[in-house]
C-alpha atoms as a PDB file:
ATOM      1  CA  MET A   1       0.000   0.000   0.000  1.00  0.00           C
ATOM      2  CA  LYS A   2       1.319   3.436  -0.919  1.00  0.00           C
ATOM      3  CA  ILE A   3       0.752   6.882   0.549  1.00  0.00           C
ATOM      4  CA  ARG A   4       1.299   9.843  -1.797  1.00  0.00           C
ATOM      5  CA  VAL A   5       3.379  12.468  -0.004  1.00  0.00           C
ATOM      6  CA  VAL A   6       2.558  16.058  -0.986  1.00  0.00           C
ATOM      7  CA  SER A   7       4.967  18.693   0.275  1.00  0.00           C
ATOM      8  CA  SER A   8       3.569  21.893  -1.268  1.00  0.00           C
ATOM      9  CA  ARG A   9       0.323  23.546  -2.351  1.00  0.00           C
ATOM     10  CA  GLU A  10       1.498  23.714  -5.965  1.00  0.00           C
ATOM     11  CA  GLU A  11       1.960  19.944  -6.030  1.00  0.00           C
ATOM     12  CA  ILE A  12      -1.769  19.322  -5.407  1.00  0.00           C
ATOM     13  CA  PHE A  13      -2.626  20.177  -9.004  1.00  0.00           C
ATOM     14  CA  THR A  14      -0.079  17.694 -10.403  1.00  0.00           C
ATOM     15  CA  LEU A  15      -1.503  14.674  -8.547  1.00  0.00           C
ATOM     16  CA  ASN A  16      -2.888  11.613 -10.254  1.00  0.00           C
ATOM     17  CA  PRO A  17      -6.726  11.783 -10.034  1.00  0.00           C
ATOM     18  CA  ASN A  18      -6.753   8.151  -8.826  1.00  0.00           C
ATOM     19  CA  GLU A  19      -4.844   8.833  -5.588  1.00  0.00           C
ATOM     20  CA  ARG A  20      -6.651   7.315  -2.595  1.00  0.00           C
ATOM     21  CA  VAL A  21      -4.319   8.027   0.344  1.00  0.00           C
ATOM     22  CA  VAL A  22      -2.461  11.341   0.597  1.00  0.00           C
ATOM     23  CA  HIS A  23      -0.123  12.701   3.283  1.00  0.00           C
ATOM     24  CA  LEU A  24       0.103  16.500   3.352  1.00  0.00           C
ATOM     25  CA  ALA A  25       3.512  17.557   4.655  1.00  0.00           C
ATOM     26  CA  PHE A  26       2.479  21.220   4.883  1.00  0.00           C
ATOM     27  CA  ARG A  27      -0.210  23.075   6.843  1.00  0.00           C
ATOM     28  CA  PRO A  28      -3.195  23.065   4.439  1.00  0.00           C
ATOM     29  CA  SER A  29      -5.727  25.869   4.206  1.00  0.00           C
ATOM     30  CA  ASN A  30      -9.403  25.149   3.526  1.00  0.00           C
ATOM     31  CA  LYS A  31      -8.734  26.076  -0.090  1.00  0.00           C
ATOM     32  CA  ASP A  32      -5.935  23.472  -0.289  1.00  0.00           C
ATOM     33  CA  ILE A  33      -8.239  20.718   1.021  1.00  0.00           C
ATOM     34  CA  PHE A  34     -10.959  21.653  -1.488  1.00  0.00           C
ATOM     35  CA  ALA A  35      -8.363  21.662  -4.300  1.00  0.00           C
ATOM     36  CA  LEU A  36      -7.122  18.218  -3.209  1.00  0.00           C
ATOM     37  CA  VAL A  37     -10.635  16.733  -3.170  1.00  0.00           C
ATOM     38  CA  GLU A  38     -11.352  18.279  -6.565  1.00  0.00           C
ATOM     39  CA  THR A  39      -8.064  17.044  -8.084  1.00  0.00           C
ATOM     40  CA  CYS A  40      -8.395  13.533  -6.613  1.00  0.00           C
ATOM     41  CA  PRO A  41     -12.096  12.564  -6.669  1.00  0.00           C
ATOM     42  CA  LYS A  42     -11.337   9.001  -5.472  1.00  0.00           C
ATOM     43  CA  ILE A  43      -9.476  10.128  -2.352  1.00  0.00           C
ATOM     44  CA  GLU A  44     -10.318   8.142   0.796  1.00  0.00           C
ATOM     45  CA  VAL A  45      -7.760   9.336   3.367  1.00  0.00           C
ATOM     46  CA  ILE A  46      -5.926  12.586   4.055  1.00  0.00           C
ATOM     47  CA  GLN A  47      -3.154  12.211   6.603  1.00  0.00           C
ATOM     48  CA  LEU A  48      -1.645  15.197   8.417  1.00  0.00           C
ATOM     49  CA  PRO A  49       1.102  15.526  11.035  1.00  0.00           C
ATOM     50  CA  LYS A  50      -0.266  15.939  14.574  1.00  0.00           C
ATOM     51  CA  SER A  51       0.484  19.676  14.838  1.00  0.00           C
ATOM     52  CA  TYR A  52      -1.260  20.414  11.526  1.00  0.00           C
ATOM     53  CA  ARG A  53      -4.225  18.152  12.276  1.00  0.00           C
ATOM     54  CA  ARG A  54      -5.184  20.333  15.253  1.00  0.00           C
ATOM     55  CA  THR A  55      -5.443  23.448  13.051  1.00  0.00           C
ATOM     56  CA  VAL A  56      -8.012  22.016  10.609  1.00  0.00           C
ATOM     57  CA  SER A  57     -11.310  23.901  10.824  1.00  0.00           C
ATOM     58  CA  LYS A  58     -14.569  22.278  11.917  1.00  0.00           C
ATOM     59  CA  SER A  59     -16.139  23.195   8.574  1.00  0.00           C
ATOM     60  CA  ILE A  60     -13.443  21.240   6.683  1.00  0.00           C
ATOM     61  CA  GLU A  61     -13.856  18.298   9.056  1.00  0.00           C
ATOM     62  CA  MET A  62     -17.612  18.309   8.331  1.00  0.00           C
ATOM     63  CA  PHE A  63     -16.995  18.664   4.578  1.00  0.00           C
ATOM     64  CA  LEU A  64     -14.638  15.673   4.565  1.00  0.00           C
ATOM     65  CA  GLU A  65     -17.063  13.643   6.668  1.00  0.00           C
ATOM     66  CA  MET A  66     -19.840  14.355   4.158  1.00  0.00           C
ATOM     67  CA  GLN A  67     -17.496  13.285   1.329  1.00  0.00           C
ATOM     68  CA  ARG A  68     -16.647  10.101   3.304  1.00  0.00           C
ATOM     69  CA  ILE A  69     -12.975  11.063   3.408  1.00  0.00           C
ATOM     70  CA  GLN A  70     -11.058  10.176   6.570  1.00  0.00           C
ATOM     71  CA  LEU A  71      -8.857  12.869   8.060  1.00  0.00           C
ATOM     72  CA  ILE A  72      -6.228  11.165  10.146  1.00  0.00           C
ATOM     73  CA  GLU A  73      -3.200  12.178  12.116  1.00  0.00           C
ATOM     74  CA  GLY A  74       0.161  10.612  11.396  1.00  0.00           C
ATOM     75  CA  ASP A  75       3.621  10.831   9.933  1.00  0.00           C
ATOM     76  CA  VAL A  76       5.644   9.133   7.246  1.00  0.00           C
ATOM     77  CA  TRP A  77       8.715   8.295   9.318  1.00  0.00           C
ATOM     78  CA  GLY A  78      12.070   8.464   7.565  1.00  0.00           C
ATOM     79  CA  HIS A  79      10.576   9.209   4.156  1.00  0.00           C
ATOM     80  CA  ARG A  80      12.669  11.228   1.707  1.00  0.00           C
ATOM     81  CA  LYS A  81      10.548  12.983  -0.897  1.00  0.00           C
ATOM     82  CA  ASP A  82      13.567  13.639  -3.121  1.00  0.00           C
ATOM     83  CA  ILE A  83      13.981   9.874  -3.595  1.00  0.00           C
ATOM     84  CA  ASN A  84      10.351   8.799  -3.973  1.00  0.00           C
ATOM     85  CA  GLU A  85       7.044  10.680  -3.955  1.00  0.00           C
ATOM     86  CA  TYR A  86       5.303   7.687  -2.372  1.00  0.00           C
ATOM     87  CA  TYR A  87       5.725   6.263   1.112  1.00  0.00           C
ATOM     88  CA  SER A  88       5.192   2.508   0.993  1.00  0.00           C
ATOM     89  CA  ILE A  89       3.702   0.731   3.958  1.00  0.00           C
ATOM     90  CA  PRO A  90       5.925  -2.338   4.345  1.00  0.00           C
ATOM     91  CA  SER A  91       4.334  -5.608   3.246  1.00  0.00           C
ATOM     92  CA  SER A  92       5.425  -7.069   6.605  1.00  0.00           C
ATOM     93  CA  VAL A  93       2.994  -4.674   8.336  1.00  0.00           C
ATOM     94  CA  ILE A  94       0.128  -5.748   6.074  1.00  0.00           C
ATOM     95  CA  GLU A  95       1.050  -9.414   6.643  1.00  0.00           C
ATOM     96  CA  LYS A  96       1.053  -8.839  10.418  1.00  0.00           C
ATOM     97  CA  ILE A  97      -2.444  -7.305  10.193  1.00  0.00           C
ATOM     98  CA  ARG A  98      -3.657 -10.304   8.148  1.00  0.00           C
ATOM     99  CA  GLU A  99      -2.142 -12.798  10.604  1.00  0.00           C
ATOM    100  CA  LEU A 100      -3.687 -11.134  13.641  1.00  0.00           C
ATOM    101  CA  LYS A 101      -7.034 -10.964  11.859  1.00  0.00           C
ATOM    102  CA  MET A 102      -6.876 -14.666  10.915  1.00  0.00           C
ATOM    103  CA  VAL A 103      -6.453 -15.736  14.548  1.00  0.00           C
ATOM    104  CA  GLY A 104      -9.460 -13.632  15.556  1.00  0.00           C
ATOM    105  CA  THR A 105      -7.690 -10.753  17.315  1.00  0.00           C
ATOM    106  CA  PRO A 106     -10.130  -7.857  17.965  1.00  0.00           C
ATOM    107  CA  ALA A 107      -9.645  -4.824  15.679  1.00  0.00           C
ATOM    108  CA  GLU A 108      -8.701  -2.535  18.595  1.00  0.00           C
ATOM    109  CA  ARG A 109      -5.903  -4.903  19.678  1.00  0.00           C
ATOM    110  CA  ILE A 110      -4.623  -5.180  16.093  1.00  0.00           C
ATOM    111  CA  GLU A 111      -4.568  -1.368  15.749  1.00  0.00           C
ATOM    112  CA  GLU A 112      -2.763  -0.986  19.077  1.00  0.00           C
ATOM    113  CA  LYS A 113      -0.181  -3.724  18.468  1.00  0.00           C
ATOM    114  CA  VAL A 114       0.649  -2.894  14.856  1.00  0.00           C
ATOM    115  CA  ALA A 115       0.790   0.865  15.560  1.00  0.00           C
ATOM    116  CA  ARG A 116       3.248   0.270  18.404  1.00  0.00           C
ATOM    117  CA  GLU A 117       5.456  -2.024  16.302  1.00  0.00           C
ATOM    118  CA  SER A 118       5.400  -0.101  13.005  1.00  0.00           C
ATOM    119  CA  LYS A 119       5.243   3.605  13.975  1.00  0.00           C
ATOM    120  CA  LEU A 120       2.001   3.875  11.985  1.00  0.00           C
ATOM    121  CA  ASN A 121      -0.880   5.766  13.532  1.00  0.00           C
ATOM    122  CA  PRO A 122      -3.690   3.505  14.896  1.00  0.00           C
ATOM    123  CA  GLU A 123      -6.143   5.304  12.577  1.00  0.00           C
ATOM    124  CA  MET A 124      -4.021   4.340   9.548  1.00  0.00           C
ATOM    125  CA  VAL A 125      -3.856   0.733  10.809  1.00  0.00           C
ATOM    126  CA  ALA A 126      -7.669   0.799  11.134  1.00  0.00           C
ATOM    127  CA  TYR A 127      -7.939   2.042   7.541  1.00  0.00           C
ATOM    128  CA  ILE A 128      -5.629  -0.744   6.294  1.00  0.00           C
ATOM    129  CA  LEU A 129      -7.674  -3.230   8.314  1.00  0.00           C
ATOM    130  CA  THR A 130     -10.932  -2.149   6.618  1.00  0.00           C
ATOM    131  CA  LYS A 131      -9.233  -2.202   3.187  1.00  0.00           C
ATOM    132  CA  GLU A 132      -7.968  -5.741   3.864  1.00  0.00           C
ATOM    133  CA  ALA A 133     -11.468  -6.817   4.884  1.00  0.00           C
ATOM    134  CA  SER A 134     -12.839  -5.738   1.507  1.00  0.00           C
ATOM    135  CA  ALA A 135      -9.877  -7.120  -0.460  1.00  0.00           C
END
């Protein structure tokens, strides 16, 4: 699974319209969020660093909720944008989620355990878990 890392406002307009998971590495304005949703109509998740997540307006949160787009907090640890514009979630993490699911581990425990071991945010683990359920 890949997360598209966007590091500037200008980059929003160059995105592939099929992007589903995007990490914004800058503090987005309401206008930036609207532009992102317009540019990528299939978007499912917008991830923001913790400090930026707190500054998102209630109106944008409601807008994203109505569009069924998850706004989650998290980072892409150790990612270098100059090398690759995508952050790949290691297949070992996805395998771990599958294994825990197969043995009947509750979703909350899976989120907690995998988040602790992989430095992924529990909300992102929950998203992967729901994607795996439909896959």
